[in-house]
Amino acid sequence: RPGLQGQGVGRTIMARAEETAVARWGVTAMEMTVL
């Protein structure tokens, strides 16, 4: 949410996403595409 950006919400989501991907699928890397 724009008004909450810069307050650590994104860092928390990203960390949880990385943990989830490793725990659920046993992956060794995360990838994305960005403009």
ModelCIF file with pLDDT and N, C-alpha, C, O atoms, coordinates in Angstrom:
data_MODEL
#
_entry.id   MODEL 
#
_entity.id                         1 
_entity.type                       polymer 
_entity.pdbx_number_of_molecules   1 
#
_entity_poly.entity_id                      1 
_entity_poly.type                           'polypeptide(L)' 
_entity_poly.nstd_linkage                   no 
_entity_poly.nstd_monomer                   no 
_entity_poly.pdbx_seq_one_letter_code       RPGLQGQGVGRTIMARAEETAVARWGVTAMEMTVL 
_entity_poly.pdbx_seq_one_letter_code_can   RPGLQGQGVGRTIMARAEETAVARWGVTAMEMTVL 
_entity_poly.pdbx_strand_id                 A 
#
loop_
_entity_poly_seq.entity_id 
_entity_poly_seq.num 
_entity_poly_seq.mon_id 
_entity_poly_seq.hetero 
1 1  ARG n 
1 2  PRO n 
1 3  GLY n 
1 4  LEU n 
1 5  GLN n 
1 6  GLY n 
1 7  GLN n 
1 8  GLY n 
1 9  VAL n 
1 10 GLY n 
1 11 ARG n 
1 12 THR n 
1 13 ILE n 
1 14 MET n 
1 15 ALA n 
1 16 ARG n 
1 17 ALA n 
1 18 GLU n 
1 19 GLU n 
1 20 THR n 
1 21 ALA n 
1 22 VAL n 
1 23 ALA n 
1 24 ARG n 
1 25 TRP n 
1 26 GLY n 
1 27 VAL n 
1 28 THR n 
1 29 ALA n 
1 30 MET n 
1 31 GLU n 
1 32 MET n 
1 33 THR n 
1 34 VAL n 
1 35 LEU n 
#
_struct_asym.id          A 
_struct_asym.entity_id   1 
#
loop_
_ma_qa_metric.id 
_ma_qa_metric.mode 
_ma_qa_metric.name 
_ma_qa_metric.software_group_id 
_ma_qa_metric.type 
1 global pLDDT . pLDDT 
2 local  pLDDT . pLDDT 
#
_ma_qa_metric_global.metric_id      1 
_ma_qa_metric_global.metric_value   94.34 
_ma_qa_metric_global.model_id       1 
_ma_qa_metric_global.ordinal_id     1 
#
loop_
_ma_qa_metric_local.label_asym_id 
_ma_qa_metric_local.label_comp_id 
_ma_qa_metric_local.label_seq_id 
_ma_qa_metric_local.metric_id 
_ma_qa_metric_local.metric_value 
_ma_qa_metric_local.model_id 
_ma_qa_metric_local.ordinal_id 
A ARG 1  2 92.00 1 1  
A PRO 2  2 89.00 1 2  
A GLY 3  2 86.00 1 3  
A LEU 4  2 88.00 1 4  
A GLN 5  2 87.00 1 5  
A GLY 6  2 86.00 1 6  
A GLN 7  2 89.00 1 7  
A GLY 8  2 91.00 1 8  
A VAL 9  2 93.00 1 9  
A GLY 10 2 93.00 1 10 
A ARG 11 2 95.00 1 11 
A THR 12 2 96.00 1 12 
A ILE 13 2 96.00 1 13 
A MET 14 2 96.00 1 14 
A ALA 15 2 96.00 1 15 
A ARG 16 2 97.00 1 16 
A ALA 17 2 97.00 1 17 
A GLU 18 2 97.00 1 18 
A GLU 19 2 96.00 1 19 
A THR 20 2 97.00 1 20 
A ALA 21 2 97.00 1 21 
A VAL 22 2 96.00 1 22 
A ALA 23 2 95.00 1 23 
A ARG 24 2 95.00 1 24 
A TRP 25 2 96.00 1 25 
A GLY 26 2 95.00 1 26 
A VAL 27 2 97.00 1 27 
A THR 28 2 96.00 1 28 
A ALA 29 2 98.00 1 29 
A MET 30 2 98.00 1 30 
A GLU 31 2 98.00 1 31 
A MET 32 2 98.00 1 32 
A THR 33 2 97.00 1 33 
A VAL 34 2 95.00 1 34 
A LEU 35 2 94.00 1 35 
#
loop_
_atom_site.group_PDB 
_atom_site.id 
_atom_site.type_symbol 
_atom_site.label_atom_id 
_atom_site.label_alt_id 
_atom_site.label_comp_id 
_atom_site.label_asym_id 
_atom_site.label_entity_id 
_atom_site.label_seq_id 
_atom_site.pdbx_PDB_ins_code 
_atom_site.Cartn_x 
_atom_site.Cartn_y 
_atom_site.Cartn_z 
_atom_site.occupancy 
_atom_site.B_iso_or_equiv 
_atom_site.pdbx_formal_charge 
_atom_site.auth_seq_id 
_atom_site.auth_comp_id 
_atom_site.auth_asym_id 
_atom_site.auth_atom_id 
_atom_site.pdbx_PDB_model_num 
ATOM 1   N N  . ARG A 1 1  ? 0.864  -1.195  0.000   1.00 92.00 ? 1  ARG A N  1 
ATOM 2   C CA . ARG A 1 1  ? 0.000  0.000   0.000   1.00 92.00 ? 1  ARG A CA 1 
ATOM 3   C C  . ARG A 1 1  ? 0.901  1.246   0.000   1.00 92.00 ? 1  ARG A C  1 
ATOM 4   O O  . ARG A 1 1  ? 1.797  1.353   0.837   1.00 92.00 ? 1  ARG A O  1 
ATOM 5   N N  . PRO A 1 2  ? 0.674  2.188   -0.928  1.00 89.00 ? 2  PRO A N  1 
ATOM 6   C CA . PRO A 1 2  ? 1.583  3.334   -1.083  1.00 89.00 ? 2  PRO A CA 1 
ATOM 7   C C  . PRO A 1 2  ? 1.906  4.096   0.201   1.00 89.00 ? 2  PRO A C  1 
ATOM 8   O O  . PRO A 1 2  ? 3.064  4.460   0.406   1.00 89.00 ? 2  PRO A O  1 
ATOM 9   N N  . GLY A 1 3  ? 0.950  4.346   1.055   1.00 86.00 ? 3  GLY A N  1 
ATOM 10  C CA . GLY A 1 3  ? 1.199  5.091   2.283   1.00 86.00 ? 3  GLY A CA 1 
ATOM 11  C C  . GLY A 1 3  ? 2.056  4.354   3.291   1.00 86.00 ? 3  GLY A C  1 
ATOM 12  O O  . GLY A 1 3  ? 2.537  4.951   4.255   1.00 86.00 ? 3  GLY A O  1 
ATOM 13  N N  . LEU A 1 4  ? 2.255  3.049   3.075   1.00 88.00 ? 4  LEU A N  1 
ATOM 14  C CA . LEU A 1 4  ? 3.064  2.241   3.994   1.00 88.00 ? 4  LEU A CA 1 
ATOM 15  C C  . LEU A 1 4  ? 4.439  1.903   3.424   1.00 88.00 ? 4  LEU A C  1 
ATOM 16  O O  . LEU A 1 4  ? 5.253  1.281   4.105   1.00 88.00 ? 4  LEU A O  1 
ATOM 17  N N  . GLN A 1 5  ? 4.702  2.302   2.196   1.00 87.00 ? 5  GLN A N  1 
ATOM 18  C CA . GLN A 1 5  ? 5.994  2.006   1.588   1.00 87.00 ? 5  GLN A CA 1 
ATOM 19  C C  . GLN A 1 5  ? 7.096  2.753   2.348   1.00 87.00 ? 5  GLN A C  1 
ATOM 20  O O  . GLN A 1 5  ? 6.907  3.882   2.800   1.00 87.00 ? 5  GLN A O  1 
ATOM 21  N N  . GLY A 1 6  ? 8.240  2.097   2.474   1.00 86.00 ? 6  GLY A N  1 
ATOM 22  C CA . GLY A 1 6  ? 9.359  2.686   3.191   1.00 86.00 ? 6  GLY A CA 1 
ATOM 23  C C  . GLY A 1 6  ? 9.319  2.427   4.683   1.00 86.00 ? 6  GLY A C  1 
ATOM 24  O O  . GLY A 1 6  ? 10.122 2.990   5.427   1.00 86.00 ? 6  GLY A O  1 
ATOM 25  N N  . GLN A 1 7  ? 8.384  1.572   5.144   1.00 89.00 ? 7  GLN A N  1 
ATOM 26  C CA . GLN A 1 7  ? 8.251  1.290   6.574   1.00 89.00 ? 7  GLN A CA 1 
ATOM 27  C C  . GLN A 1 7  ? 8.582  -0.162  6.924   1.00 89.00 ? 7  GLN A C  1 
ATOM 28  O O  . GLN A 1 7  ? 8.292  -0.610  8.033   1.00 89.00 ? 7  GLN A O  1 
ATOM 29  N N  . GLY A 1 8  ? 9.183  -0.895  5.996   1.00 91.00 ? 8  GLY A N  1 
ATOM 30  C CA . GLY A 1 8  ? 9.595  -2.260  6.286   1.00 91.00 ? 8  GLY A CA 1 
ATOM 31  C C  . GLY A 1 8  ? 8.618  -3.344  5.874   1.00 91.00 ? 8  GLY A C  1 
ATOM 32  O O  . GLY A 1 8  ? 8.935  -4.529  5.985   1.00 91.00 ? 8  GLY A O  1 
ATOM 33  N N  . VAL A 1 9  ? 7.439  -2.970  5.403   1.00 93.00 ? 9  VAL A N  1 
ATOM 34  C CA . VAL A 1 9  ? 6.444  -3.959  4.998   1.00 93.00 ? 9  VAL A CA 1 
ATOM 35  C C  . VAL A 1 9  ? 6.973  -4.795  3.834   1.00 93.00 ? 9  VAL A C  1 
ATOM 36  O O  . VAL A 1 9  ? 6.861  -6.020  3.848   1.00 93.00 ? 9  VAL A O  1 
ATOM 37  N N  . GLY A 1 10 ? 7.540  -4.148  2.843   1.00 93.00 ? 10 GLY A N  1 
ATOM 38  C CA . GLY A 1 10 ? 8.073  -4.852  1.679   1.00 93.00 ? 10 GLY A CA 1 
ATOM 39  C C  . GLY A 1 10 ? 9.208  -5.796  2.035   1.00 93.00 ? 10 GLY A C  1 
ATOM 40  O O  . GLY A 1 10 ? 9.259  -6.922  1.539   1.00 93.00 ? 10 GLY A O  1 
ATOM 41  N N  . ARG A 1 11 ? 10.117 -5.347  2.891   1.00 95.00 ? 11 ARG A N  1 
ATOM 42  C CA . ARG A 1 11 ? 11.220 -6.210  3.333   1.00 95.00 ? 11 ARG A CA 1 
ATOM 43  C C  . ARG A 1 11 ? 10.690 -7.458  4.031   1.00 95.00 ? 11 ARG A C  1 
ATOM 44  O O  . ARG A 1 11 ? 11.205 -8.558  3.828   1.00 95.00 ? 11 ARG A O  1 
ATOM 45  N N  . THR A 1 12 ? 9.657  -7.281  4.853   1.00 96.00 ? 12 THR A N  1 
ATOM 46  C CA . THR A 1 12 ? 9.060  -8.407  5.566   1.00 96.00 ? 12 THR A CA 1 
ATOM 47  C C  . THR A 1 12 ? 8.408  -9.385  4.595   1.00 96.00 ? 12 THR A C  1 
ATOM 48  O O  . THR A 1 12 ? 8.584  -10.598 4.718   1.00 96.00 ? 12 THR A O  1 
ATOM 49  N N  . ILE A 1 13 ? 7.660  -8.862  3.637   1.00 96.00 ? 13 ILE A N  1 
ATOM 50  C CA . ILE A 1 13 ? 7.001  -9.727  2.648   1.00 96.00 ? 13 ILE A CA 1 
ATOM 51  C C  . ILE A 1 13 ? 8.044  -10.491 1.842   1.00 96.00 ? 13 ILE A C  1 
ATOM 52  O O  . ILE A 1 13 ? 7.905  -11.695 1.629   1.00 96.00 ? 13 ILE A O  1 
ATOM 53  N N  . MET A 1 14 ? 9.076  -9.803  1.399   1.00 96.00 ? 14 MET A N  1 
ATOM 54  C CA . MET A 1 14 ? 10.108 -10.452 0.594   1.00 96.00 ? 14 MET A CA 1 
ATOM 55  C C  . MET A 1 14 ? 10.814 -11.550 1.388   1.00 96.00 ? 14 MET A C  1 
ATOM 56  O O  . MET A 1 14 ? 11.041 -12.640 0.863   1.00 96.00 ? 14 MET A O  1 
ATOM 57  N N  . ALA A 1 15 ? 11.157 -11.282 2.628   1.00 96.00 ? 15 ALA A N  1 
ATOM 58  C CA . ALA A 1 15 ? 11.822 -12.295 3.460   1.00 96.00 ? 15 ALA A CA 1 
ATOM 59  C C  . ALA A 1 15 ? 10.919 -13.506 3.642   1.00 96.00 ? 15 ALA A C  1 
ATOM 60  O O  . ALA A 1 15 ? 11.385 -14.641 3.540   1.00 96.00 ? 15 ALA A O  1 
ATOM 61  N N  . ARG A 1 16 ? 9.635  -13.287 3.908   1.00 97.00 ? 16 ARG A N  1 
ATOM 62  C CA . ARG A 1 16 ? 8.700  -14.398 4.078   1.00 97.00 ? 16 ARG A CA 1 
ATOM 63  C C  . ARG A 1 16 ? 8.535  -15.171 2.773   1.00 97.00 ? 16 ARG A C  1 
ATOM 64  O O  . ARG A 1 16 ? 8.420  -16.397 2.786   1.00 97.00 ? 16 ARG A O  1 
ATOM 65  N N  . ALA A 1 17 ? 8.523  -14.463 1.656   1.00 97.00 ? 17 ALA A N  1 
ATOM 66  C CA . ALA A 1 17 ? 8.407  -15.127 0.350   1.00 97.00 ? 17 ALA A CA 1 
ATOM 67  C C  . ALA A 1 17 ? 9.604  -16.047 0.112   1.00 97.00 ? 17 ALA A C  1 
ATOM 68  O O  . ALA A 1 17 ? 9.435  -17.181 -0.336  1.00 97.00 ? 17 ALA A O  1 
ATOM 69  N N  . GLU A 1 18 ? 10.800 -15.566 0.406   1.00 97.00 ? 18 GLU A N  1 
ATOM 70  C CA . GLU A 1 18 ? 12.006 -16.377 0.229   1.00 97.00 ? 18 GLU A CA 1 
ATOM 71  C C  . GLU A 1 18 ? 11.964 -17.608 1.128   1.00 97.00 ? 18 GLU A C  1 
ATOM 72  O O  . GLU A 1 18 ? 12.270 -18.715 0.685   1.00 97.00 ? 18 GLU A O  1 
ATOM 73  N N  . GLU A 1 19 ? 11.586 -17.416 2.387   1.00 96.00 ? 19 GLU A N  1 
ATOM 74  C CA . GLU A 1 19 ? 11.471 -18.545 3.325   1.00 96.00 ? 19 GLU A CA 1 
ATOM 75  C C  . GLU A 1 19 ? 10.433 -19.554 2.840   1.00 96.00 ? 19 GLU A C  1 
ATOM 76  O O  . GLU A 1 19 ? 10.662 -20.762 2.898   1.00 96.00 ? 19 GLU A O  1 
ATOM 77  N N  . THR A 1 20 ? 9.305  -19.063 2.365   1.00 97.00 ? 20 THR A N  1 
ATOM 78  C CA . THR A 1 20 ? 8.224  -19.927 1.884   1.00 97.00 ? 20 THR A CA 1 
ATOM 79  C C  . THR A 1 20 ? 8.665  -20.730 0.671   1.00 97.00 ? 20 THR A C  1 
ATOM 80  O O  . THR A 1 20 ? 8.393  -21.928 0.589   1.00 97.00 ? 20 THR A O  1 
ATOM 81  N N  . ALA A 1 21 ? 9.334  -20.093 -0.261  1.00 97.00 ? 21 ALA A N  1 
ATOM 82  C CA . ALA A 1 21 ? 9.778  -20.786 -1.480  1.00 97.00 ? 21 ALA A CA 1 
ATOM 83  C C  . ALA A 1 21 ? 10.763 -21.903 -1.152  1.00 97.00 ? 21 ALA A C  1 
ATOM 84  O O  . ALA A 1 21 ? 10.690 -22.985 -1.733  1.00 97.00 ? 21 ALA A O  1 
ATOM 85  N N  . VAL A 1 22 ? 11.677 -21.649 -0.231  1.00 96.00 ? 22 VAL A N  1 
ATOM 86  C CA . VAL A 1 22 ? 12.648 -22.674 0.166   1.00 96.00 ? 22 VAL A CA 1 
ATOM 87  C C  . VAL A 1 22 ? 11.937 -23.807 0.903   1.00 96.00 ? 22 VAL A C  1 
ATOM 88  O O  . VAL A 1 22 ? 12.160 -24.979 0.597   1.00 96.00 ? 22 VAL A O  1 
ATOM 89  N N  . ALA A 1 23 ? 11.086 -23.469 1.867   1.00 95.00 ? 23 ALA A N  1 
ATOM 90  C CA . ALA A 1 23 ? 10.409 -24.494 2.665   1.00 95.00 ? 23 ALA A CA 1 
ATOM 91  C C  . ALA A 1 23 ? 9.432  -25.323 1.832   1.00 95.00 ? 23 ALA A C  1 
ATOM 92  O O  . ALA A 1 23 ? 9.346  -26.538 2.009   1.00 95.00 ? 23 ALA A O  1 
ATOM 93  N N  . ARG A 1 24 ? 8.706  -24.687 0.940   1.00 95.00 ? 24 ARG A N  1 
ATOM 94  C CA . ARG A 1 24 ? 7.668  -25.368 0.172   1.00 95.00 ? 24 ARG A CA 1 
ATOM 95  C C  . ARG A 1 24 ? 8.222  -26.169 -0.992  1.00 95.00 ? 24 ARG A C  1 
ATOM 96  O O  . ARG A 1 24 ? 7.788  -27.294 -1.240  1.00 95.00 ? 24 ARG A O  1 
ATOM 97  N N  . TRP A 1 25 ? 9.184  -25.590 -1.712  1.00 96.00 ? 25 TRP A N  1 
ATOM 98  C CA . TRP A 1 25 ? 9.650  -26.201 -2.957  1.00 96.00 ? 25 TRP A CA 1 
ATOM 99  C C  . TRP A 1 25 ? 11.124 -26.603 -2.936  1.00 96.00 ? 25 TRP A C  1 
ATOM 100 O O  . TRP A 1 25 ? 11.585 -27.267 -3.865  1.00 96.00 ? 25 TRP A O  1 
ATOM 101 N N  . GLY A 1 26 ? 11.862 -26.225 -1.916  1.00 95.00 ? 26 GLY A N  1 
ATOM 102 C CA . GLY A 1 26 ? 13.275 -26.565 -1.849  1.00 95.00 ? 26 GLY A CA 1 
ATOM 103 C C  . GLY A 1 26 ? 14.117 -25.869 -2.909  1.00 95.00 ? 26 GLY A C  1 
ATOM 104 O O  . GLY A 1 26 ? 15.145 -26.401 -3.328  1.00 95.00 ? 26 GLY A O  1 
ATOM 105 N N  . VAL A 1 27 ? 13.698 -24.697 -3.346  1.00 97.00 ? 27 VAL A N  1 
ATOM 106 C CA . VAL A 1 27 ? 14.418 -23.984 -4.395  1.00 97.00 ? 27 VAL A CA 1 
ATOM 107 C C  . VAL A 1 27 ? 15.728 -23.416 -3.862  1.00 97.00 ? 27 VAL A C  1 
ATOM 108 O O  . VAL A 1 27 ? 15.902 -23.233 -2.657  1.00 97.00 ? 27 VAL A O  1 
ATOM 109 N N  . THR A 1 28 ? 16.641 -23.142 -4.784  1.00 96.00 ? 28 THR A N  1 
ATOM 110 C CA . THR A 1 28 ? 17.936 -22.586 -4.403  1.00 96.00 ? 28 THR A CA 1 
ATOM 111 C C  . THR A 1 28 ? 18.092 -21.126 -4.813  1.00 96.00 ? 28 THR A C  1 
ATOM 112 O O  . THR A 1 28 ? 19.089 -20.484 -4.481  1.00 96.00 ? 28 THR A O  1 
ATOM 113 N N  . ALA A 1 29 ? 17.096 -20.601 -5.540  1.00 98.00 ? 29 ALA A N  1 
ATOM 114 C CA . ALA A 1 29 ? 17.183 -19.208 -5.974  1.00 98.00 ? 29 ALA A CA 1 
ATOM 115 C C  . ALA A 1 29 ? 15.788 -18.637 -6.211  1.00 98.00 ? 29 ALA A C  1 
ATOM 116 O O  . ALA A 1 29 ? 14.834 -19.363 -6.490  1.00 98.00 ? 29 ALA A O  1 
ATOM 117 N N  . MET A 1 30 ? 15.702 -17.319 -6.091  1.00 98.00 ? 30 MET A N  1 
ATOM 118 C CA . MET A 1 30 ? 14.488 -16.579 -6.412  1.00 98.00 ? 30 MET A CA 1 
ATOM 119 C C  . MET A 1 30 ? 14.835 -15.682 -7.585  1.00 98.00 ? 30 MET A C  1 
ATOM 120 O O  . MET A 1 30 ? 15.918 -15.097 -7.626  1.00 98.00 ? 30 MET A O  1 
ATOM 121 N N  . GLU A 1 31 ? 13.919 -15.569 -8.543  1.00 98.00 ? 31 GLU A N  1 
ATOM 122 C CA . GLU A 1 31 ? 14.147 -14.693 -9.689  1.00 98.00 ? 31 GLU A CA 1 
ATOM 123 C C  . GLU A 1 31 ? 12.932 -13.819 -9.911  1.00 98.00 ? 31 GLU A C  1 
ATOM 124 O O  . GLU A 1 31 ? 11.825 -14.134 -9.473  1.00 98.00 ? 31 GLU A O  1 
ATOM 125 N N  . MET A 1 32 ? 13.158 -12.728 -10.591 1.00 98.00 ? 32 MET A N  1 
ATOM 126 C CA . MET A 1 32 ? 12.090 -11.787 -10.929 1.00 98.00 ? 32 MET A CA 1 
ATOM 127 C C  . MET A 1 32 ? 12.504 -11.023 -12.164 1.00 98.00 ? 32 MET A C  1 
ATOM 128 O O  . MET A 1 32 ? 13.670 -11.040 -12.559 1.00 98.00 ? 32 MET A O  1 
ATOM 129 N N  . THR A 1 33 ? 11.546 -10.355 -12.768 1.00 97.00 ? 33 THR A N  1 
ATOM 130 C CA . THR A 1 33 ? 11.860 -9.423  -13.849 1.00 97.00 ? 33 THR A CA 1 
ATOM 131 C C  . THR A 1 33 ? 11.344 -8.054  -13.442 1.00 97.00 ? 33 THR A C  1 
ATOM 132 O O  . THR A 1 33 ? 10.254 -7.930  -12.883 1.00 97.00 ? 33 THR A O  1 
ATOM 133 N N  . VAL A 1 34 ? 12.128 -7.038  -13.724 1.00 95.00 ? 34 VAL A N  1 
ATOM 134 C CA . VAL A 1 34 ? 11.813 -5.662  -13.363 1.00 95.00 ? 34 VAL A CA 1 
ATOM 135 C C  . VAL A 1 34 ? 12.065 -4.789  -14.577 1.00 95.00 ? 34 VAL A C  1 
ATOM 136 O O  . VAL A 1 34 ? 13.030 -5.000  -15.312 1.00 95.00 ? 34 VAL A O  1 
ATOM 137 N N  . LEU A 1 35 ? 11.197 -3.808  -14.788 1.00 94.00 ? 35 LEU A N  1 
ATOM 138 C CA . LEU A 1 35 ? 11.469 -2.864  -15.869 1.00 94.00 ? 35 LEU A CA 1 
ATOM 139 C C  . LEU A 1 35 ? 12.839 -2.234  -15.634 1.00 94.00 ? 35 LEU A C  1 
ATOM 140 O O  . LEU A 1 35 ? 13.279 -1.401  -16.426 1.00 94.00 ? 35 LEU A O  1 
#
